Protein backbone atom coordinates (compact mmCIF):
# COMPACT_ATOMS: atom_id res chain seq x y z
CA UNK A 1 -1.78 9.08 1.31
CA UNK A 2 -5.53 9.05 1.53
CA UNK A 3 -7.10 11.47 3.98
CA UNK A 4 -9.46 8.74 5.11
CA UNK A 5 -8.55 5.92 7.48
CA UNK A 6 -9.19 2.90 5.31
CA UNK A 7 -9.64 -1.00 6.13
CA UNK A 8 -7.19 -2.52 3.64
CA UNK A 9 -6.57 -6.22 3.00
CA UNK A 10 -2.98 -7.14 1.91
CA UNK A 11 -2.72 -10.60 0.22
CA UNK A 12 0.76 -11.89 -0.15
CA UNK A 13 2.37 -15.16 0.69
CA UNK A 14 5.88 -13.56 1.43
CA UNK A 15 6.35 -12.44 5.09
CA UNK A 16 8.80 -9.69 4.07
CA UNK A 17 6.35 -8.35 1.58
CA UNK A 18 3.61 -8.53 4.11
CA UNK A 19 5.57 -6.49 6.70
CA UNK A 20 6.71 -3.94 4.18
CA UNK A 21 3.23 -3.18 2.95
CA UNK A 22 1.76 -3.23 6.43
CA UNK A 23 4.36 -0.76 7.60
CA UNK A 24 3.69 1.66 4.78
CA UNK A 25 -0.02 1.48 5.28
CA UNK A 26 -0.05 1.80 8.87
CA UNK A 27 2.37 4.73 8.53
CA UNK A 28 -0.45 6.38 6.65
CA UNK A 29 -2.93 5.77 9.21
CA UNK A 30 -4.74 2.75 7.58
CA UNK A 31 -5.96 -0.33 9.32
CA UNK A 32 -4.46 -3.44 7.83
CA UNK A 33 -5.44 -7.22 7.66
CA UNK A 34 -3.01 -9.62 6.08
CA UNK A 35 -3.89 -12.97 4.13
CA UNK A 36 -1.08 -15.31 3.29
CA UNK A 37 -2.85 -16.79 0.07
CA UNK A 38 -5.98 -16.47 -2.06
CA UNK A 39 -8.12 -18.81 -0.14
CA UNK A 40 -7.64 -16.91 2.99
CA UNK A 41 -8.28 -13.65 1.17
CA UNK A 42 -11.60 -14.94 -0.10
CA UNK A 43 -12.62 -16.21 3.38
CA UNK A 44 -11.80 -12.89 4.91
CA UNK A 45 -13.75 -11.05 2.21
CA UNK A 46 -16.81 -13.16 2.99
CA UNK A 47 -16.75 -12.13 6.69
CA UNK A 48 -15.43 -8.55 6.51
CA UNK A 49 -15.79 -5.35 4.46
CA UNK A 50 -12.73 -3.81 3.17
CA UNK A 51 -12.27 -0.47 1.51
CA UNK A 52 -9.36 -1.82 -0.67
CA UNK A 53 -7.35 -4.83 -1.41
CA UNK A 54 -3.68 -5.28 -2.53
CA UNK A 55 -3.49 -8.66 -4.10
CA UNK A 56 -0.38 -10.56 -5.08
CA UNK A 57 -1.07 -12.50 -8.24
CA UNK A 58 1.70 -15.18 -7.96
CA UNK A 59 0.88 -17.28 -4.90
CA UNK A 60 0.83 -21.05 -4.44
CA UNK A 61 -2.60 -22.76 -4.17
CA UNK A 62 -5.31 -20.08 -4.83
CA UNK A 63 -3.32 -17.45 -6.62
CA UNK A 64 -4.42 -13.74 -6.90
CA UNK A 65 -6.11 -14.31 -10.37
CA UNK A 66 -8.51 -17.03 -9.05
CA UNK A 67 -9.14 -15.13 -5.72
CA UNK A 68 -10.11 -11.97 -7.56
CA UNK A 69 -12.62 -13.81 -9.74
CA UNK A 70 -14.07 -15.38 -6.60
CA UNK A 71 -14.34 -12.02 -4.93
CA UNK A 72 -16.17 -10.57 -7.88
CA UNK A 73 -18.58 -13.52 -7.88
CA UNK A 74 -19.30 -12.92 -4.24
CA UNK A 75 -20.05 -9.28 -4.92
CA UNK A 76 -22.25 -10.08 -8.01
CA UNK A 77 -24.24 -12.62 -5.87
CA UNK A 78 -24.83 -10.26 -2.93
CA UNK A 79 -28.25 -9.29 -1.88
CA UNK A 80 -28.72 -6.37 -1.82
CA UNK A 81 -26.01 -5.67 -4.36
CA UNK A 82 -22.72 -4.50 -2.81
CA UNK A 83 -20.30 -1.87 -4.20
CA UNK A 84 -17.43 -3.14 -6.18
CA UNK A 85 -14.28 -3.21 -3.92
CA UNK A 86 -11.21 -1.53 -5.52
CA UNK A 87 -8.44 -4.19 -5.99
CA UNK A 88 -4.94 -3.56 -6.98
CA UNK A 89 -2.87 -6.44 -8.43
CA UNK A 90 0.61 -6.84 -7.13
CA UNK A 91 3.16 -8.79 -9.50
CA UNK A 92 6.82 -9.26 -9.77
CA UNK A 93 6.26 -9.03 -13.59
CA UNK A 94 5.21 -6.00 -15.74
CA UNK A 95 1.68 -5.65 -16.80
CA UNK A 96 2.55 -6.43 -20.53
CA UNK A 97 3.48 -9.99 -19.23
CA UNK A 98 0.03 -10.55 -17.67
CA UNK A 99 -2.40 -9.09 -20.07
CA UNK A 100 -2.75 -12.76 -21.63
CA UNK A 101 -4.70 -13.61 -18.48
CA UNK A 102 -8.42 -12.91 -18.92
CA UNK A 103 -8.77 -12.47 -15.12
CA UNK A 104 -6.75 -9.08 -15.37
CA UNK A 105 -10.10 -7.29 -16.07
CA UNK A 106 -11.19 -7.96 -12.59
CA UNK A 107 -8.45 -5.83 -11.10
CA UNK A 108 -8.78 -1.98 -10.92
CA UNK A 109 -5.10 -1.13 -10.89
CA UNK A 110 -1.62 -2.83 -11.34
CA UNK A 111 1.50 -2.44 -9.27
CA UNK A 112 4.84 -3.94 -10.41
CA UNK A 113 6.96 -4.99 -7.40
CA UNK A 114 8.91 -3.73 -5.63
CA UNK A 115 6.45 -1.07 -4.72
CA UNK A 116 7.46 2.25 -3.13
CA UNK A 117 5.66 4.52 -0.77
CA UNK A 118 4.69 6.85 -3.58
CA UNK A 119 3.50 3.99 -5.71
CA UNK A 120 1.18 2.85 -2.86
CA UNK A 121 0.05 6.42 -2.32
CA UNK A 122 -0.79 6.93 -6.05
CA UNK A 123 -2.78 3.62 -6.10
CA UNK A 124 -4.79 4.45 -3.04
CA UNK A 125 -5.73 8.02 -4.21
CA UNK A 126 -6.77 6.67 -7.64
CA UNK A 127 -8.81 3.74 -6.32
CA UNK A 128 -10.58 5.48 -3.50
CA UNK A 129 -11.20 8.75 -5.60
CA UNK A 130 -11.30 7.43 -9.20
CA UNK A 131 -13.48 10.51 -10.42
CA UNK A 132 -10.78 13.10 -9.35
CA UNK A 133 -8.70 14.72 -12.08
CA UNK A 134 -5.01 13.51 -11.96
CA UNK A 135 -2.58 15.37 -14.21
CA UNK A 136 -0.86 12.82 -16.36
CA UNK A 137 2.33 14.94 -16.72
CA UNK A 138 2.87 14.64 -13.00
CA UNK A 139 2.78 10.78 -13.25
CA UNK A 140 4.43 9.85 -16.51
CA UNK A 141 4.71 6.25 -15.55
CA UNK A 142 0.90 6.09 -15.05
CA UNK A 143 -0.99 4.94 -18.12
CA UNK A 144 -4.37 3.34 -19.16
CA UNK A 145 -4.33 -0.33 -19.57
CA UNK A 146 -6.16 -0.96 -22.81
CA UNK A 147 -6.42 -4.61 -22.22
CA UNK A 148 -8.43 -4.35 -18.93
CA UNK A 149 -11.69 -2.62 -18.29
CA UNK A 150 -12.15 0.95 -19.28
CA UNK A 151 -10.68 3.12 -16.50
CA UNK A 152 -8.31 0.40 -15.21
CA UNK A 153 -4.83 1.73 -14.60
CA UNK A 154 -1.34 0.45 -14.31
CA UNK A 155 1.59 1.92 -12.42
CA UNK A 156 5.02 0.29 -13.27
CA UNK A 157 8.23 1.13 -11.48
CA UNK A 158 11.59 1.58 -13.28
CA UNK A 159 14.29 0.34 -10.89
CA UNK A 160 17.92 1.03 -11.09
CA UNK A 161 20.49 -1.73 -11.07
CA UNK A 162 23.24 -2.47 -8.63
CA UNK A 163 23.72 -2.57 -4.90
CA UNK A 164 25.51 -0.24 -2.59
CA UNK A 165 27.28 -1.46 0.57
CA UNK A 166 24.95 0.53 2.68
CA UNK A 167 21.67 0.96 0.74
CA UNK A 168 20.90 4.59 1.85
CA UNK A 169 17.63 4.56 0.18
CA UNK A 170 16.34 1.72 2.28
CA UNK A 171 17.63 3.31 5.48
CA UNK A 172 15.90 6.68 4.43
CA UNK A 173 12.75 4.89 3.65
CA UNK A 174 12.59 3.34 7.17
CA UNK A 175 14.19 6.13 9.13
CA UNK A 176 11.12 6.45 11.31
CA UNK A 177 10.48 2.59 11.55
CA UNK A 178 13.91 1.10 12.20
CA UNK A 179 12.39 -1.83 14.15
CA UNK A 180 10.36 -2.88 11.13
CA UNK A 181 13.54 -2.55 8.95
CA UNK A 182 15.38 -4.82 11.51
CA UNK A 183 12.76 -7.35 11.38
CA UNK A 184 12.70 -7.41 7.61
CA UNK A 185 16.51 -7.93 7.50
CA UNK A 186 16.35 -10.53 10.04
CA UNK A 187 13.86 -12.36 7.98
CA UNK A 188 15.98 -11.91 4.92
CA UNK A 189 19.00 -13.44 6.70
CA UNK A 190 16.76 -16.48 7.47
CA UNK A 191 14.74 -16.80 4.21
CA UNK A 192 17.50 -16.13 1.55
CA UNK A 193 19.88 -18.86 2.58
CA UNK A 194 16.99 -21.28 2.85
CA UNK A 195 15.71 -20.38 -0.58
CA UNK A 196 19.33 -20.62 -2.05
CA UNK A 197 19.70 -24.11 -0.52
CA UNK A 198 16.26 -25.18 -1.84
CA UNK A 199 17.06 -23.84 -5.32
CA UNK A 200 20.40 -25.78 -5.30
CA UNK A 201 18.71 -28.99 -4.18
CA UNK A 202 15.91 -28.53 -6.93
CA UNK A 203 18.65 -28.01 -9.73
CA UNK A 204 20.08 -31.44 -8.80
CA UNK A 205 16.55 -33.06 -8.54
CA UNK A 206 15.01 -31.11 -11.56
CA UNK A 207 11.95 -30.28 -9.42
CA UNK A 208 10.42 -27.44 -11.46
CA UNK A 209 7.72 -26.03 -9.26
CA UNK A 210 9.82 -26.01 -6.17
CA UNK A 211 12.74 -24.27 -8.03
CA UNK A 212 10.46 -21.75 -9.60
CA UNK A 213 8.99 -21.00 -6.14
CA UNK A 214 12.42 -20.61 -4.59
CA UNK A 215 13.73 -18.12 -7.23
CA UNK A 216 10.57 -16.17 -6.96
CA UNK A 217 10.91 -15.85 -3.15
CA UNK A 218 14.44 -14.66 -3.59
CA UNK A 219 13.27 -11.98 -6.16
CA UNK A 220 10.54 -10.84 -3.75
CA UNK A 221 12.87 -10.39 -0.80
CA UNK A 222 15.81 -8.64 -2.51
CA UNK A 223 13.41 -6.54 -4.44
CA UNK A 224 11.76 -5.05 -1.24
CA UNK A 225 15.19 -4.52 0.09
CA UNK A 226 16.35 -2.27 -2.87
CA UNK A 227 18.51 -4.84 -4.63
CA UNK A 228 17.13 -4.37 -8.08
CA UNK A 229 19.98 -6.08 -10.11
CA UNK A 230 19.66 -9.27 -7.85
CA UNK A 231 15.81 -9.20 -8.36
CA UNK A 232 16.07 -9.07 -12.00
CA UNK A 233 18.53 -11.95 -12.14
CA UNK A 234 16.27 -14.12 -9.67
CA UNK A 235 13.32 -13.41 -11.99
CA UNK A 236 15.46 -14.40 -15.12
CA UNK A 237 16.35 -17.78 -13.28
CA UNK A 238 12.71 -18.26 -12.72
CA UNK A 239 11.71 -17.55 -16.32
CA UNK A 240 14.42 -19.79 -17.69
CA UNK A 241 13.27 -22.70 -15.38
CA UNK A 242 9.70 -22.31 -16.62
CA UNK A 243 10.89 -22.54 -20.17
CA UNK A 244 12.81 -25.79 -19.43
CA UNK A 245 16.12 -24.17 -19.96
CA UNK A 246 17.99 -25.75 -16.98
CA UNK A 247 21.51 -25.32 -18.39
CA UNK A 248 21.23 -21.46 -18.77
CA UNK A 249 19.15 -21.23 -15.54
CA UNK A 250 22.02 -22.94 -13.68
CA UNK A 251 24.45 -20.60 -15.07
CA UNK A 252 22.47 -17.53 -14.04
CA UNK A 253 21.81 -19.23 -10.59
CA UNK A 254 25.55 -19.52 -9.89
CA UNK A 255 25.78 -15.71 -10.44
CA UNK A 256 22.76 -15.14 -8.28
CA UNK A 257 24.02 -17.13 -5.44
CA UNK A 258 27.21 -15.13 -5.40
CA UNK A 259 25.33 -11.90 -5.48
CA UNK A 260 22.87 -12.86 -2.86
CA UNK A 261 25.73 -14.06 -0.54
CA UNK A 262 27.28 -10.57 -0.88
CA UNK A 263 23.92 -9.02 -0.03
CA UNK A 264 23.59 -11.30 3.04
CA UNK A 265 26.86 -9.78 4.32
CA UNK A 266 25.43 -6.26 3.49
CA UNK A 267 22.32 -6.97 5.47
CA UNK A 268 24.24 -8.38 8.39
CA UNK A 269 26.45 -5.12 8.46
CA UNK A 270 23.29 -2.99 8.34
CA UNK A 271 21.91 -4.96 11.32
CA UNK A 272 25.23 -4.78 13.43
CA UNK A 273 26.40 -1.34 12.65
CA UNK A 274 23.67 1.04 11.08
CA UNK A 275 20.81 -0.49 13.14
CA UNK A 276 22.53 -1.64 16.29
CA UNK A 277 21.41 1.17 18.61
């Protein structure tokens, strides 16, 4: 990644996402601080200097949009003036679905989850060295965001669908950090059943906010663990719920429940067979 050792703040409310990004960044030699919500991020920013921030935009309480505005206000009010901190947005949704938010201009980069090692590497290089020439033909998925400030960039990932019994891409990605992979799988085995139970309860009680949060949590976890089809289905459930279409959301949720249950068996097999040594 960058040749420099950077101090990086990662802001995300999901523990699996936190560990995943922390692992990638520490592997690259950077120092990582974790914040679990936007309020904590702002508080940390007031006390510490960071070279770069990765900010999830969809968080309960103070979300990433509100947090980035407050950080820019702190920078603007600083005396003497402080340098603008590069901030990359992290979102489960493509940039085209977020451009209606006026706060998007306060970000310098945009990453669509699930991020990969290469995506994080590209983001760091372009945020820390914005004046360098980067051949666009080498990064066809990288393009200017015309709805943000001049020079702002977006990097969206095309994910393949489907799940294999033993996700070799996941094993390859963490071949040198199997302990972290074990921890993430253990977290998934705990968090996913809880989210499914909560989502099922919310369908019966019609609690919109809690049901959307549970669906989004499922999407985050399975996305990090290379289950693209299940991630997309969970996000579709969330969108249907937000639109008030409980009937179609319920139909998709039943499919999601079955597929995530199969994933849980896969994760258990990975822990007990592939990662048992």
